[in-house]
């Protein structure tokens, strides 16, 4: 999983948009995605912060190792690649 952009970059991008740059222009100037700029500005206007949300985690759900394996077994989910069936080989 990739790391979030620095808070410094986020602040500079949001400041540029608040200073009059369009979101697309700010994305081009700072070489980040337009959707990222849109999210950062929305977050700043809603909360006053541009800090990244926490990453990872399992939404507070704690399960045992065996529980996960039993689930996969019961649902017949495997991790092996399946061979393509029905192909004919060249003789």
N, C-alpha and C. Protein backbone atom coordinates (compact mmCIF):
# COMPACT_ATOMS: atom_id res chain seq x y z
N UNK A 1 0.85 -1.17 0.00
CA UNK A 1 0.00 0.00 0.00
C UNK A 1 0.90 1.24 0.00
N UNK A 2 0.56 2.23 -0.77
CA UNK A 2 1.38 3.43 -0.87
C UNK A 2 1.16 4.34 0.34
N UNK A 3 2.10 5.25 0.52
CA UNK A 3 2.01 6.19 1.64
C UNK A 3 1.23 7.42 1.20
N UNK A 4 0.56 8.10 2.14
CA UNK A 4 -0.16 9.32 1.77
C UNK A 4 0.81 10.46 1.45
N UNK A 5 0.34 11.42 0.66
CA UNK A 5 1.14 12.60 0.37
C UNK A 5 1.40 13.36 1.67
N UNK A 6 2.50 14.12 1.70
CA UNK A 6 2.86 14.86 2.90
C UNK A 6 1.82 15.93 3.20
N UNK A 7 1.73 16.26 4.48
CA UNK A 7 0.78 17.28 4.89
C UNK A 7 1.20 18.65 4.34
N UNK A 8 2.49 18.87 4.21
CA UNK A 8 3.00 20.12 3.65
C UNK A 8 2.50 20.32 2.22
N UNK A 9 2.59 19.27 1.40
CA UNK A 9 2.11 19.36 0.02
C UNK A 9 0.62 19.62 -0.01
N UNK A 10 -0.11 18.91 0.83
CA UNK A 10 -1.56 19.09 0.89
C UNK A 10 -1.92 20.54 1.23
N UNK A 11 -1.22 21.10 2.21
CA UNK A 11 -1.49 22.48 2.62
C UNK A 11 -1.19 23.45 1.49
N UNK A 12 -0.07 23.26 0.78
CA UNK A 12 0.28 24.15 -0.32
C UNK A 12 -0.73 24.07 -1.46
N UNK A 13 -1.22 22.86 -1.76
CA UNK A 13 -2.21 22.69 -2.82
C UNK A 13 -3.52 23.36 -2.44
N UNK A 14 -3.97 23.14 -1.23
CA UNK A 14 -5.23 23.75 -0.77
C UNK A 14 -5.09 25.27 -0.74
N UNK A 15 -3.94 25.77 -0.30
CA UNK A 15 -3.72 27.22 -0.26
C UNK A 15 -3.77 27.80 -1.68
N UNK A 16 -3.23 27.07 -2.64
CA UNK A 16 -3.26 27.54 -4.03
C UNK A 16 -4.70 27.62 -4.55
N UNK A 17 -5.49 26.61 -4.23
CA UNK A 17 -6.90 26.61 -4.66
C UNK A 17 -7.66 27.72 -3.96
N UNK A 18 -7.43 27.88 -2.66
CA UNK A 18 -8.10 28.95 -1.92
C UNK A 18 -7.63 30.32 -2.41
N UNK A 19 -6.42 30.39 -2.98
CA UNK A 19 -5.89 31.64 -3.49
C UNK A 19 -6.36 32.00 -4.89
N UNK A 20 -7.13 31.11 -5.51
CA UNK A 20 -7.71 31.46 -6.80
C UNK A 20 -7.42 30.49 -7.93
N UNK A 21 -6.50 29.55 -7.74
CA UNK A 21 -6.22 28.57 -8.78
C UNK A 21 -7.38 27.58 -8.87
N UNK A 22 -7.66 27.10 -10.06
CA UNK A 22 -8.67 26.05 -10.19
C UNK A 22 -8.07 24.74 -9.69
N UNK A 23 -8.92 23.79 -9.42
CA UNK A 23 -8.42 22.50 -8.94
C UNK A 23 -7.55 21.81 -10.00
N UNK A 24 -7.95 21.92 -11.24
CA UNK A 24 -7.17 21.32 -12.33
C UNK A 24 -5.80 21.99 -12.47
N UNK A 25 -5.79 23.32 -12.37
CA UNK A 25 -4.52 24.04 -12.46
C UNK A 25 -3.60 23.67 -11.30
N UNK A 26 -4.14 23.59 -10.09
CA UNK A 26 -3.34 23.22 -8.92
C UNK A 26 -2.79 21.81 -9.07
N UNK A 27 -3.60 20.90 -9.60
CA UNK A 27 -3.15 19.52 -9.80
C UNK A 27 -1.98 19.49 -10.78
N UNK A 28 -2.05 20.30 -11.82
CA UNK A 28 -0.99 20.33 -12.82
C UNK A 28 0.28 20.95 -12.25
N UNK A 29 0.13 22.05 -11.51
CA UNK A 29 1.28 22.75 -10.94
C UNK A 29 2.02 21.86 -9.95
N UNK A 30 1.29 21.16 -9.09
CA UNK A 30 1.91 20.36 -8.04
C UNK A 30 2.09 18.89 -8.44
N UNK A 31 1.71 18.55 -9.66
CA UNK A 31 1.88 17.20 -10.20
C UNK A 31 1.22 16.12 -9.34
N UNK A 32 -0.05 16.37 -9.03
CA UNK A 32 -0.87 15.39 -8.31
C UNK A 32 -2.17 15.21 -9.08
N UNK A 33 -2.95 14.22 -8.71
CA UNK A 33 -4.21 13.95 -9.40
C UNK A 33 -5.28 14.97 -9.06
N UNK A 34 -6.13 15.25 -10.05
CA UNK A 34 -7.22 16.20 -9.86
C UNK A 34 -8.15 15.71 -8.74
N UNK A 35 -8.43 14.41 -8.73
CA UNK A 35 -9.34 13.88 -7.71
C UNK A 35 -8.75 14.06 -6.31
N UNK A 36 -7.43 13.97 -6.19
CA UNK A 36 -6.79 14.19 -4.89
C UNK A 36 -7.00 15.63 -4.44
N UNK A 37 -6.79 16.56 -5.35
CA UNK A 37 -6.97 17.98 -5.01
C UNK A 37 -8.41 18.24 -4.59
N UNK A 38 -9.35 17.67 -5.31
CA UNK A 38 -10.77 17.85 -4.98
C UNK A 38 -11.06 17.33 -3.57
N UNK A 39 -10.56 16.14 -3.25
CA UNK A 39 -10.79 15.56 -1.92
C UNK A 39 -10.14 16.39 -0.82
N UNK A 40 -8.91 16.87 -1.07
CA UNK A 40 -8.21 17.66 -0.05
C UNK A 40 -8.94 18.97 0.22
N UNK A 41 -9.42 19.63 -0.81
CA UNK A 41 -10.15 20.89 -0.63
C UNK A 41 -11.47 20.64 0.10
N UNK A 42 -12.17 19.58 -0.28
CA UNK A 42 -13.43 19.24 0.41
C UNK A 42 -13.17 18.96 1.89
N UNK A 43 -12.12 18.19 2.17
CA UNK A 43 -11.79 17.86 3.56
C UNK A 43 -11.42 19.12 4.33
N UNK A 44 -10.65 20.01 3.71
CA UNK A 44 -10.26 21.25 4.37
C UNK A 44 -11.47 22.12 4.68
N UNK A 45 -12.37 22.24 3.75
CA UNK A 45 -13.55 23.08 3.96
C UNK A 45 -14.51 22.48 4.98
N UNK A 46 -14.54 21.16 5.07
CA UNK A 46 -15.45 20.50 6.02
C UNK A 46 -14.88 20.45 7.43
N UNK A 47 -13.56 20.22 7.55
CA UNK A 47 -12.97 20.00 8.87
C UNK A 47 -11.93 21.03 9.26
N UNK A 48 -11.40 21.80 8.29
CA UNK A 48 -10.34 22.74 8.59
C UNK A 48 -8.97 22.10 8.63
N UNK A 49 -8.90 20.83 8.26
CA UNK A 49 -7.64 20.08 8.28
C UNK A 49 -7.42 19.40 6.94
N UNK A 50 -6.16 19.28 6.55
CA UNK A 50 -5.83 18.57 5.32
C UNK A 50 -5.11 17.25 5.63
N UNK A 51 -5.04 16.90 6.91
CA UNK A 51 -4.32 15.69 7.32
C UNK A 51 -4.95 14.45 6.70
N UNK A 52 -4.11 13.47 6.39
CA UNK A 52 -4.58 12.22 5.82
C UNK A 52 -5.34 11.42 6.86
N UNK A 53 -6.33 10.69 6.40
CA UNK A 53 -7.06 9.80 7.30
C UNK A 53 -6.17 8.60 7.63
N UNK A 54 -6.42 7.93 8.75
CA UNK A 54 -5.62 6.75 9.09
C UNK A 54 -5.76 5.68 8.02
N UNK A 55 -4.65 4.97 7.75
CA UNK A 55 -4.66 3.92 6.73
C UNK A 55 -4.68 2.55 7.39
N UNK A 56 -5.20 1.59 6.65
CA UNK A 56 -5.17 0.21 7.11
C UNK A 56 -6.21 -0.08 8.16
N UNK A 57 -6.00 -1.19 8.84
CA UNK A 57 -6.94 -1.58 9.88
C UNK A 57 -8.09 -2.39 9.31
N UNK A 58 -8.80 -3.08 10.21
CA UNK A 58 -9.91 -3.92 9.77
C UNK A 58 -11.19 -3.44 10.41
N UNK A 59 -11.37 -2.13 10.47
CA UNK A 59 -12.58 -1.51 11.01
C UNK A 59 -12.89 -1.98 12.43
N UNK A 60 -11.86 -2.26 13.20
CA UNK A 60 -12.05 -2.64 14.59
C UNK A 60 -12.50 -4.06 14.81
N UNK A 61 -12.56 -4.86 13.75
CA UNK A 61 -12.99 -6.24 13.88
C UNK A 61 -11.77 -7.11 14.14
N UNK A 62 -11.81 -7.86 15.22
CA UNK A 62 -10.70 -8.74 15.56
C UNK A 62 -11.16 -10.18 15.35
N UNK A 63 -10.44 -10.89 14.48
CA UNK A 63 -10.78 -12.29 14.22
C UNK A 63 -9.52 -13.13 14.32
N UNK A 64 -9.72 -14.40 14.60
CA UNK A 64 -8.60 -15.31 14.70
C UNK A 64 -8.14 -15.79 13.33
N UNK A 65 -6.90 -16.24 13.30
CA UNK A 65 -6.29 -16.75 12.07
C UNK A 65 -7.10 -17.92 11.51
N UNK A 66 -7.48 -18.84 12.38
CA UNK A 66 -8.24 -20.01 11.96
C UNK A 66 -9.62 -19.65 11.43
N UNK A 67 -10.22 -18.62 11.98
CA UNK A 67 -11.54 -18.18 11.53
C UNK A 67 -11.50 -17.79 10.06
N UNK A 68 -10.46 -17.07 9.68
CA UNK A 68 -10.32 -16.64 8.29
C UNK A 68 -10.18 -17.85 7.37
N UNK A 69 -9.34 -18.79 7.76
CA UNK A 69 -9.14 -19.98 6.93
C UNK A 69 -10.41 -20.81 6.81
N UNK A 70 -11.16 -20.96 7.91
CA UNK A 70 -12.42 -21.71 7.84
C UNK A 70 -13.42 -21.03 6.92
N UNK A 71 -13.44 -19.69 6.94
CA UNK A 71 -14.33 -18.96 6.05
C UNK A 71 -13.98 -19.26 4.60
N UNK A 72 -12.69 -19.16 4.25
CA UNK A 72 -12.28 -19.42 2.87
C UNK A 72 -12.59 -20.85 2.46
N UNK A 73 -12.39 -21.78 3.37
CA UNK A 73 -12.67 -23.19 3.06
C UNK A 73 -14.16 -23.40 2.84
N UNK A 74 -14.98 -22.82 3.70
CA UNK A 74 -16.42 -22.98 3.59
C UNK A 74 -16.96 -22.34 2.29
N UNK A 75 -16.37 -21.23 1.88
CA UNK A 75 -16.80 -20.56 0.66
C UNK A 75 -16.10 -21.10 -0.59
N UNK A 76 -15.27 -22.10 -0.42
CA UNK A 76 -14.53 -22.74 -1.51
C UNK A 76 -13.67 -21.72 -2.29
N UNK A 77 -12.99 -20.86 -1.54
CA UNK A 77 -12.09 -19.88 -2.14
C UNK A 77 -10.67 -20.42 -2.02
N UNK A 78 -9.98 -20.50 -3.14
CA UNK A 78 -8.61 -21.01 -3.12
C UNK A 78 -7.66 -19.91 -3.58
N UNK A 79 -6.40 -20.11 -3.30
CA UNK A 79 -5.39 -19.13 -3.68
C UNK A 79 -4.57 -19.61 -4.87
N UNK A 80 -4.88 -20.79 -5.36
CA UNK A 80 -4.14 -21.34 -6.48
C UNK A 80 -4.75 -20.84 -7.79
N UNK A 81 -3.88 -20.68 -8.78
CA UNK A 81 -4.38 -20.31 -10.09
C UNK A 81 -5.11 -21.50 -10.69
N UNK A 82 -6.16 -21.22 -11.38
CA UNK A 82 -6.92 -22.29 -12.02
C UNK A 82 -6.39 -22.48 -13.44
N UNK A 83 -6.23 -23.70 -13.82
CA UNK A 83 -5.79 -23.98 -15.20
C UNK A 83 -6.93 -23.70 -16.15
N UNK A 84 -6.59 -23.16 -17.29
CA UNK A 84 -7.60 -22.91 -18.30
C UNK A 84 -8.08 -24.24 -18.85
N UNK A 85 -9.34 -24.46 -18.81
CA UNK A 85 -9.88 -25.73 -19.28
C UNK A 85 -10.36 -25.65 -20.71
N UNK A 86 -10.38 -26.77 -21.39
CA UNK A 86 -10.95 -26.83 -22.72
C UNK A 86 -10.03 -26.39 -23.84
N UNK A 87 -8.80 -26.07 -23.52
CA UNK A 87 -7.89 -25.67 -24.58
C UNK A 87 -7.33 -26.91 -25.28
N UNK A 88 -7.04 -26.74 -26.51
CA UNK A 88 -6.42 -27.83 -27.25
C UNK A 88 -4.95 -27.50 -27.44
N UNK A 89 -4.15 -28.50 -27.33
CA UNK A 89 -2.71 -28.28 -27.49
C UNK A 89 -2.31 -28.54 -28.94
N UNK A 90 -1.31 -27.83 -29.34
CA UNK A 90 -0.76 -28.08 -30.68
C UNK A 90 0.01 -29.40 -30.66
N UNK A 91 -0.19 -30.22 -31.68
CA UNK A 91 0.46 -31.52 -31.69
C UNK A 91 1.87 -31.48 -32.20
